[in-house]
Amino acid sequence: MKRVTLYTDGACSGNPGVGGWGAVLMFNGHEKRISGVEELTTNNRMEIFAVISGLECLKEPCEVMVYSDSAYTVNAFNNGWIFGWEKGGWKKADNKPVLNADLWQRLLNLTRIHSVNFVKVKGHADNEYNNICDKLATDAIKNYRSA
């Protein structure tokens, strides 16, 4: 199985507001940078969507190390929250709907195709690829606004 490294980040100007996401995929010395924008969204949705977008670029099942500064995204998997949400019909312990359930379901399905591990990185620090993803996300917002 091919091993891929995926860095991701999401950003939002206003929350909710215009949102951007960025991702860098690395495989066998090659690098692919992707990004996008949504007109009305939240930071958390962009964080999740960045991971989805990166995984959707893969053409076959891979082992993927996902690096994200989003505790929300990383902890949903590493702390098992997402499996409880799925088992509970996408409701939280207080019986309220899980926010962003549409994206969580897409991401969960992708993690069943690929072998995915999530690693939390410190945002806006000295991680080169997290900073690249942040710039991709914020540039997507700037480019949308200037269009």
N, C-alpha and C. Protein backbone atom coordinates (compact mmCIF):
# COMPACT_ATOMS: atom_id res chain seq x y z
N MET A 1 0.85 -1.18 0.00
CA MET A 1 0.00 0.00 0.00
C MET A 1 0.90 1.25 0.00
N LYS A 2 0.58 2.20 -0.87
CA LYS A 2 1.36 3.42 -0.96
C LYS A 2 1.18 4.27 0.29
N ARG A 3 2.27 4.93 0.70
CA ARG A 3 2.23 5.80 1.87
C ARG A 3 2.22 7.26 1.42
N VAL A 4 1.22 7.98 1.90
CA VAL A 4 1.01 9.38 1.52
C VAL A 4 0.99 10.22 2.79
N THR A 5 1.59 11.41 2.70
CA THR A 5 1.51 12.39 3.77
C THR A 5 0.57 13.49 3.31
N LEU A 6 -0.36 13.87 4.17
CA LEU A 6 -1.34 14.89 3.84
C LEU A 6 -1.36 15.94 4.95
N TYR A 7 -1.02 17.17 4.58
CA TYR A 7 -1.16 18.31 5.49
C TYR A 7 -2.40 19.08 5.08
N THR A 8 -3.16 19.57 6.06
CA THR A 8 -4.40 20.29 5.74
C THR A 8 -4.59 21.48 6.67
N ASP A 9 -5.36 22.44 6.20
CA ASP A 9 -5.77 23.57 7.05
C ASP A 9 -7.02 24.20 6.46
N GLY A 10 -7.79 24.80 7.33
CA GLY A 10 -8.98 25.54 6.93
C GLY A 10 -8.95 26.91 7.56
N ALA A 11 -9.64 27.85 6.94
CA ALA A 11 -9.69 29.23 7.45
C ALA A 11 -11.06 29.81 7.13
N CYS A 12 -11.44 30.81 7.89
CA CYS A 12 -12.71 31.46 7.65
C CYS A 12 -12.57 32.94 7.98
N SER A 13 -13.11 33.78 7.12
CA SER A 13 -13.13 35.21 7.35
C SER A 13 -14.53 35.57 7.80
N GLY A 14 -14.68 35.69 9.11
CA GLY A 14 -15.99 35.69 9.73
C GLY A 14 -16.31 34.24 10.02
N ASN A 15 -17.05 33.95 11.04
CA ASN A 15 -17.33 32.56 11.37
C ASN A 15 -18.77 32.45 11.86
N PRO A 16 -19.74 32.30 10.96
CA PRO A 16 -19.58 31.91 9.55
C PRO A 16 -19.20 33.09 8.66
N GLY A 17 -18.67 32.72 7.51
CA GLY A 17 -18.25 33.70 6.52
C GLY A 17 -17.65 32.98 5.33
N VAL A 18 -16.86 33.72 4.56
CA VAL A 18 -16.16 33.12 3.43
C VAL A 18 -15.06 32.23 3.99
N GLY A 19 -15.02 31.00 3.53
CA GLY A 19 -14.04 30.04 4.04
C GLY A 19 -13.14 29.51 2.95
N GLY A 20 -11.94 29.18 3.35
CA GLY A 20 -10.98 28.58 2.42
C GLY A 20 -10.34 27.38 3.06
N TRP A 21 -9.82 26.52 2.22
CA TRP A 21 -9.11 25.33 2.70
C TRP A 21 -7.90 25.10 1.81
N GLY A 22 -6.91 24.44 2.39
CA GLY A 22 -5.71 24.11 1.65
C GLY A 22 -5.19 22.76 2.09
N ALA A 23 -4.53 22.08 1.16
CA ALA A 23 -3.96 20.77 1.47
C ALA A 23 -2.72 20.55 0.62
N VAL A 24 -1.77 19.83 1.20
CA VAL A 24 -0.57 19.43 0.48
C VAL A 24 -0.46 17.92 0.63
N LEU A 25 -0.43 17.23 -0.51
CA LEU A 25 -0.23 15.78 -0.54
C LEU A 25 1.20 15.52 -0.96
N MET A 26 1.85 14.57 -0.27
CA MET A 26 3.22 14.20 -0.61
C MET A 26 3.31 12.69 -0.75
N PHE A 27 3.92 12.28 -1.86
CA PHE A 27 4.12 10.87 -2.13
C PHE A 27 5.38 10.69 -2.96
N ASN A 28 6.30 9.89 -2.46
CA ASN A 28 7.46 9.47 -3.23
C ASN A 28 8.22 10.65 -3.84
N GLY A 29 8.40 11.71 -3.05
CA GLY A 29 9.15 12.88 -3.51
C GLY A 29 8.34 13.87 -4.33
N HIS A 30 7.08 13.57 -4.58
CA HIS A 30 6.21 14.48 -5.33
C HIS A 30 5.28 15.20 -4.36
N GLU A 31 4.89 16.40 -4.74
CA GLU A 31 4.03 17.22 -3.91
C GLU A 31 2.90 17.79 -4.76
N LYS A 32 1.69 17.74 -4.22
CA LYS A 32 0.54 18.34 -4.90
C LYS A 32 -0.15 19.27 -3.92
N ARG A 33 -0.39 20.51 -4.36
CA ARG A 33 -1.06 21.51 -3.52
C ARG A 33 -2.44 21.78 -4.11
N ILE A 34 -3.45 21.76 -3.24
CA ILE A 34 -4.82 22.03 -3.67
C ILE A 34 -5.46 22.99 -2.69
N SER A 35 -6.45 23.72 -3.15
CA SER A 35 -7.17 24.64 -2.27
C SER A 35 -8.53 24.97 -2.88
N GLY A 36 -9.36 25.59 -2.08
CA GLY A 36 -10.68 25.98 -2.55
C GLY A 36 -11.34 26.93 -1.58
N VAL A 37 -12.53 27.36 -1.94
CA VAL A 37 -13.25 28.36 -1.17
C VAL A 37 -14.73 28.02 -1.14
N GLU A 38 -15.40 28.41 -0.07
CA GLU A 38 -16.85 28.33 0.04
C GLU A 38 -17.35 29.68 0.49
N GLU A 39 -18.49 30.08 -0.08
CA GLU A 39 -19.00 31.42 0.16
C GLU A 39 -19.47 31.65 1.59
N LEU A 40 -20.20 30.69 2.14
CA LEU A 40 -20.73 30.85 3.50
C LEU A 40 -20.53 29.55 4.25
N THR A 41 -19.60 29.57 5.21
CA THR A 41 -19.23 28.33 5.90
C THR A 41 -18.62 28.69 7.25
N THR A 42 -18.06 27.69 7.91
CA THR A 42 -17.37 27.91 9.19
C THR A 42 -15.95 27.37 9.12
N ASN A 43 -15.15 27.79 10.06
CA ASN A 43 -13.77 27.32 10.13
C ASN A 43 -13.73 25.79 10.29
N ASN A 44 -14.57 25.25 11.17
CA ASN A 44 -14.57 23.80 11.38
C ASN A 44 -14.92 23.04 10.11
N ARG A 45 -15.89 23.53 9.35
CA ARG A 45 -16.25 22.86 8.10
C ARG A 45 -15.07 22.87 7.14
N MET A 46 -14.34 23.98 7.08
CA MET A 46 -13.19 24.07 6.17
C MET A 46 -12.07 23.13 6.61
N GLU A 47 -11.87 22.98 7.91
CA GLU A 47 -10.85 22.06 8.42
C GLU A 47 -11.17 20.62 7.99
N ILE A 48 -12.42 20.22 8.15
CA ILE A 48 -12.83 18.86 7.77
C ILE A 48 -12.76 18.70 6.25
N PHE A 49 -13.25 19.73 5.53
CA PHE A 49 -13.30 19.65 4.08
C PHE A 49 -11.90 19.55 3.46
N ALA A 50 -10.92 20.17 4.09
CA ALA A 50 -9.54 20.08 3.59
C ALA A 50 -9.06 18.64 3.61
N VAL A 51 -9.37 17.90 4.67
CA VAL A 51 -8.96 16.50 4.76
C VAL A 51 -9.71 15.67 3.70
N ILE A 52 -11.02 15.90 3.59
CA ILE A 52 -11.81 15.20 2.58
C ILE A 52 -11.22 15.42 1.19
N SER A 53 -10.93 16.67 0.87
CA SER A 53 -10.42 17.01 -0.46
C SER A 53 -9.10 16.33 -0.75
N GLY A 54 -8.23 16.29 0.25
CA GLY A 54 -6.95 15.61 0.07
C GLY A 54 -7.13 14.12 -0.17
N LEU A 55 -7.96 13.48 0.65
CA LEU A 55 -8.18 12.04 0.51
C LEU A 55 -8.88 11.71 -0.81
N GLU A 56 -9.76 12.61 -1.28
CA GLU A 56 -10.46 12.36 -2.54
C GLU A 56 -9.53 12.45 -3.75
N CYS A 57 -8.35 12.99 -3.59
CA CYS A 57 -7.37 13.04 -4.68
C CYS A 57 -6.72 11.68 -4.92
N LEU A 58 -6.77 10.80 -3.94
CA LEU A 58 -6.08 9.52 -4.04
C LEU A 58 -6.83 8.57 -4.96
N LYS A 59 -6.11 7.94 -5.86
CA LYS A 59 -6.72 7.10 -6.89
C LYS A 59 -6.83 5.63 -6.48
N GLU A 60 -6.19 5.26 -5.37
CA GLU A 60 -6.25 3.88 -4.88
C GLU A 60 -6.09 3.91 -3.36
N PRO A 61 -6.44 2.84 -2.67
CA PRO A 61 -6.28 2.81 -1.22
C PRO A 61 -4.82 3.04 -0.82
N CYS A 62 -4.62 3.92 0.15
CA CYS A 62 -3.27 4.29 0.60
C CYS A 62 -3.22 4.33 2.12
N GLU A 63 -2.00 4.26 2.64
CA GLU A 63 -1.75 4.58 4.05
C GLU A 63 -1.49 6.07 4.10
N VAL A 64 -2.27 6.79 4.89
CA VAL A 64 -2.18 8.24 4.89
C VAL A 64 -1.94 8.76 6.30
N MET A 65 -0.93 9.59 6.44
CA MET A 65 -0.69 10.33 7.68
C MET A 65 -1.23 11.73 7.45
N VAL A 66 -2.28 12.09 8.19
CA VAL A 66 -2.89 13.41 8.06
C VAL A 66 -2.38 14.29 9.21
N TYR A 67 -1.82 15.43 8.84
CA TYR A 67 -1.34 16.41 9.81
C TYR A 67 -2.25 17.63 9.74
N SER A 68 -2.87 17.96 10.87
CA SER A 68 -3.82 19.06 10.93
C SER A 68 -3.65 19.82 12.23
N ASP A 69 -3.91 21.13 12.19
CA ASP A 69 -3.88 21.91 13.43
C ASP A 69 -5.27 21.99 14.07
N SER A 70 -6.23 21.25 13.50
CA SER A 70 -7.59 21.25 14.00
C SER A 70 -7.79 20.14 15.04
N ALA A 71 -7.83 20.54 16.30
CA ALA A 71 -8.10 19.56 17.36
C ALA A 71 -9.46 18.91 17.13
N TYR A 72 -10.41 19.67 16.64
CA TYR A 72 -11.76 19.18 16.35
C TYR A 72 -11.70 17.97 15.40
N THR A 73 -10.96 18.11 14.32
CA THR A 73 -10.86 17.04 13.33
C THR A 73 -10.05 15.87 13.85
N VAL A 74 -8.88 16.15 14.40
CA VAL A 74 -7.99 15.09 14.87
C VAL A 74 -8.62 14.32 16.02
N ASN A 75 -9.18 15.03 16.99
CA ASN A 75 -9.75 14.36 18.16
C ASN A 75 -10.99 13.55 17.83
N ALA A 76 -11.73 13.96 16.80
CA ALA A 76 -12.93 13.19 16.42
C ALA A 76 -12.55 11.74 16.11
N PHE A 77 -11.36 11.55 15.52
CA PHE A 77 -10.90 10.19 15.22
C PHE A 77 -10.06 9.61 16.34
N ASN A 78 -9.07 10.37 16.80
CA ASN A 78 -8.15 9.82 17.80
C ASN A 78 -8.82 9.55 19.14
N ASN A 79 -9.89 10.28 19.46
CA ASN A 79 -10.62 10.03 20.71
C ASN A 79 -11.88 9.20 20.48
N GLY A 80 -12.11 8.81 19.23
CA GLY A 80 -13.23 7.92 18.92
C GLY A 80 -14.60 8.57 18.90
N TRP A 81 -14.66 9.91 18.95
CA TRP A 81 -15.97 10.58 18.98
C TRP A 81 -16.81 10.20 17.77
N ILE A 82 -16.17 10.14 16.60
CA ILE A 82 -16.91 9.94 15.35
C ILE A 82 -17.63 8.58 15.34
N PHE A 83 -17.04 7.60 15.98
CA PHE A 83 -17.66 6.27 16.01
C PHE A 83 -18.88 6.27 16.92
N GLY A 84 -18.80 7.03 17.99
CA GLY A 84 -19.96 7.19 18.87
C GLY A 84 -21.07 7.97 18.19
N TRP A 85 -20.70 9.00 17.43
CA TRP A 85 -21.71 9.78 16.70
C TRP A 85 -22.41 8.90 15.67
N GLU A 86 -21.62 8.09 14.96
CA GLU A 86 -22.22 7.21 13.95
C GLU A 86 -23.16 6.20 14.61
N LYS A 87 -22.69 5.59 15.68
CA LYS A 87 -23.50 4.58 16.39
C LYS A 87 -24.78 5.20 16.94
N GLY A 88 -24.68 6.47 17.36
CA GLY A 88 -25.84 7.15 17.93
C GLY A 88 -26.72 7.84 16.90
N GLY A 89 -26.55 7.52 15.63
CA GLY A 89 -27.39 8.13 14.60
C GLY A 89 -27.05 9.59 14.35
N TRP A 90 -25.78 9.95 14.53
CA TRP A 90 -25.29 11.32 14.32
C TRP A 90 -25.94 12.31 15.28
N LYS A 91 -26.12 11.81 16.52
CA LYS A 91 -26.57 12.67 17.61
C LYS A 91 -25.52 12.61 18.71
N LYS A 92 -25.36 13.73 19.42
CA LYS A 92 -24.41 13.79 20.53
C LYS A 92 -25.06 13.20 21.78
N ALA A 93 -24.29 13.13 22.85
CA ALA A 93 -24.79 12.56 24.11
C ALA A 93 -26.02 13.30 24.61
N ASP A 94 -26.11 14.61 24.32
CA ASP A 94 -27.27 15.40 24.75
C ASP A 94 -28.45 15.27 23.78
N ASN A 95 -28.34 14.36 22.82
CA ASN A 95 -29.37 14.06 21.82
C ASN A 95 -29.54 15.16 20.77
N LYS A 96 -28.65 16.14 20.76
CA LYS A 96 -28.66 17.17 19.72
C LYS A 96 -27.88 16.65 18.51
N PRO A 97 -28.25 17.12 17.32
CA PRO A 97 -27.54 16.64 16.12
C PRO A 97 -26.05 17.03 16.15
N VAL A 98 -25.22 16.15 15.65
CA VAL A 98 -23.79 16.44 15.50
C VAL A 98 -23.65 17.51 14.41
N LEU A 99 -22.91 18.55 14.72
CA LEU A 99 -22.65 19.58 13.71
C LEU A 99 -21.77 18.99 12.61
N ASN A 100 -22.02 19.41 11.39
CA ASN A 100 -21.22 19.01 10.24
C ASN A 100 -21.30 17.51 9.94
N ALA A 101 -22.43 16.90 10.30
CA ALA A 101 -22.58 15.45 10.11
C ALA A 101 -22.38 15.04 8.66
N ASP A 102 -22.79 15.89 7.72
CA ASP A 102 -22.62 15.56 6.30
C ASP A 102 -21.14 15.37 5.96
N LEU A 103 -20.30 16.25 6.47
CA LEU A 103 -18.86 16.14 6.19
C LEU A 103 -18.23 15.00 6.98
N TRP A 104 -18.65 14.83 8.23
CA TRP A 104 -18.10 13.73 9.03
C TRP A 104 -18.39 12.39 8.36
N GLN A 105 -19.59 12.22 7.79
CA GLN A 105 -19.93 10.97 7.13
C GLN A 105 -19.07 10.75 5.90
N ARG A 106 -18.84 11.81 5.12
CA ARG A 106 -17.95 11.68 3.95
C ARG A 106 -16.54 11.30 4.37
N LEU A 107 -16.06 11.96 5.41
CA LEU A 107 -14.69 11.69 5.87
C LEU A 107 -14.58 10.28 6.44
N LEU A 108 -15.55 9.86 7.21
CA LEU A 108 -15.53 8.52 7.77
C LEU A 108 -15.51 7.47 6.66
N ASN A 109 -16.30 7.68 5.62
CA ASN A 109 -16.29 6.74 4.48
C ASN A 109 -14.92 6.68 3.83
N LEU A 110 -14.25 7.82 3.70
CA LEU A 110 -12.90 7.84 3.11
C LEU A 110 -11.90 7.10 3.99
N THR A 111 -12.06 7.19 5.31
CA THR A 111 -11.13 6.49 6.20
C THR A 111 -11.36 4.98 6.17
N ARG A 112 -12.45 4.56 5.57
CA ARG A 112 -12.70 3.13 5.41
C ARG A 112 -12.12 2.61 4.10
N ILE A 113 -11.76 3.51 3.21
CA ILE A 113 -11.08 3.16 1.96
C ILE A 113 -9.57 3.15 2.20
N HIS A 114 -9.11 4.17 2.89
CA HIS A 114 -7.68 4.36 3.16
C HIS A 114 -7.39 4.04 4.62
N SER A 115 -6.14 3.71 4.90
CA SER A 115 -5.69 3.54 6.28
C SER A 115 -5.17 4.90 6.73
N VAL A 116 -5.93 5.59 7.57
CA VAL A 116 -5.63 6.98 7.90
C VAL A 116 -5.28 7.13 9.37
N ASN A 117 -4.19 7.83 9.64
CA ASN A 117 -3.82 8.22 10.99
C ASN A 117 -3.78 9.75 11.05
N PHE A 118 -4.29 10.28 12.16
CA PHE A 118 -4.36 11.73 12.33
C PHE A 118 -3.34 12.19 13.37
N VAL A 119 -2.63 13.26 13.04
CA VAL A 119 -1.64 13.85 13.94
C VAL A 119 -1.96 15.33 14.10
N LYS A 120 -2.05 15.78 15.33
CA LYS A 120 -2.29 17.20 15.63
C LYS A 120 -0.97 17.94 15.59
N VAL A 121 -0.92 19.03 14.83
CA VAL A 121 0.25 19.90 14.80
C VAL A 121 -0.16 21.26 15.34
N LYS A 122 0.81 21.99 15.84
CA LYS A 122 0.54 23.32 16.36
C LYS A 122 0.35 24.28 15.18
N GLY A 123 -0.76 25.01 15.20
CA GLY A 123 -1.04 25.94 14.12
C GLY A 123 -0.26 27.23 14.25
N HIS A 124 -0.01 27.86 13.12
CA HIS A 124 0.65 29.17 13.07
C HIS A 124 1.96 29.15 13.85
N ALA A 125 2.68 28.06 13.72
CA ALA A 125 3.96 27.91 14.42
C ALA A 125 5.05 27.68 13.37
N ASP A 126 5.95 26.76 13.66
CA ASP A 126 7.11 26.58 12.79
C ASP A 126 7.00 25.34 11.90
N ASN A 127 5.78 24.84 11.70
CA ASN A 127 5.60 23.69 10.82
C ASN A 127 5.43 24.20 9.38
N GLU A 128 6.42 23.96 8.56
CA GLU A 128 6.45 24.50 7.19
C GLU A 128 5.20 24.15 6.40
N TYR A 129 4.79 22.91 6.44
CA TYR A 129 3.66 22.50 5.61
C TYR A 129 2.32 22.96 6.17
N ASN A 130 2.20 23.07 7.47
CA ASN A 130 0.99 23.65 8.04
C ASN A 130 0.88 25.10 7.62
N ASN A 131 2.01 25.81 7.60
CA ASN A 131 2.00 27.21 7.18
C ASN A 131 1.66 27.33 5.70
N ILE A 132 2.14 26.41 4.87
CA ILE A 132 1.79 26.43 3.45
C ILE A 132 0.28 26.23 3.28
N CYS A 133 -0.28 25.27 4.02
CA CYS A 133 -1.72 25.02 3.93
C CYS A 133 -2.53 26.22 4.40
N ASP A 134 -2.06 26.87 5.46
CA ASP A 134 -2.73 28.07 5.95
C ASP A 134 -2.73 29.15 4.86
N LYS A 135 -1.60 29.32 4.19
CA LYS A 135 -1.52 30.32 3.12
C LYS A 135 -2.42 29.94 1.95
N LEU A 136 -2.46 28.67 1.59
CA LEU A 136 -3.37 28.22 0.53
C LEU A 136 -4.82 28.57 0.87
N ALA A 137 -5.21 28.32 2.13
CA ALA A 137 -6.58 28.58 2.57
C ALA A 137 -6.89 30.07 2.59
N THR A 138 -5.99 30.86 3.16
CA THR A 138 -6.25 32.31 3.25
C THR A 138 -6.15 32.97 1.88
N ASP A 139 -5.27 32.48 1.01
CA ASP A 139 -5.19 33.01 -0.35
C ASP A 139 -6.47 32.71 -1.13
N ALA A 140 -7.06 31.54 -0.91
CA ALA A 140 -8.31 31.19 -1.58
C ALA A 140 -9.40 32.20 -1.21
N ILE A 141 -9.42 32.60 0.06
CA ILE A 141 -10.40 33.61 0.51
C ILE A 141 -10.10 34.96 -0.15
N LYS A 142 -8.83 35.36 -0.14
CA LYS A 142 -8.45 36.66 -0.75
C LYS A 142 -8.80 36.68 -2.23
N ASN A 143 -8.48 35.60 -2.93
CA ASN A 143 -8.74 35.54 -4.37
C ASN A 143 -10.24 35.58 -4.66
N TYR A 144 -11.03 34.96 -3.82
CA TYR A 144 -12.49 34.98 -3.97
C TYR A 144 -13.01 36.41 -3.81
N ARG A 145 -12.49 37.08 -2.80
CA ARG A 145 -12.96 38.44 -2.50
C ARG A 145 -12.56 39.43 -3.59
N SER A 146 -11.42 39.19 -4.23
CA SER A 146 -10.94 40.14 -5.24
C SER A 146 -11.49 39.83 -6.64
N ALA A 147 -12.19 38.71 -6.76
CA ALA A 147 -12.72 38.31 -8.09
C ALA A 147 -13.94 39.11 -8.47
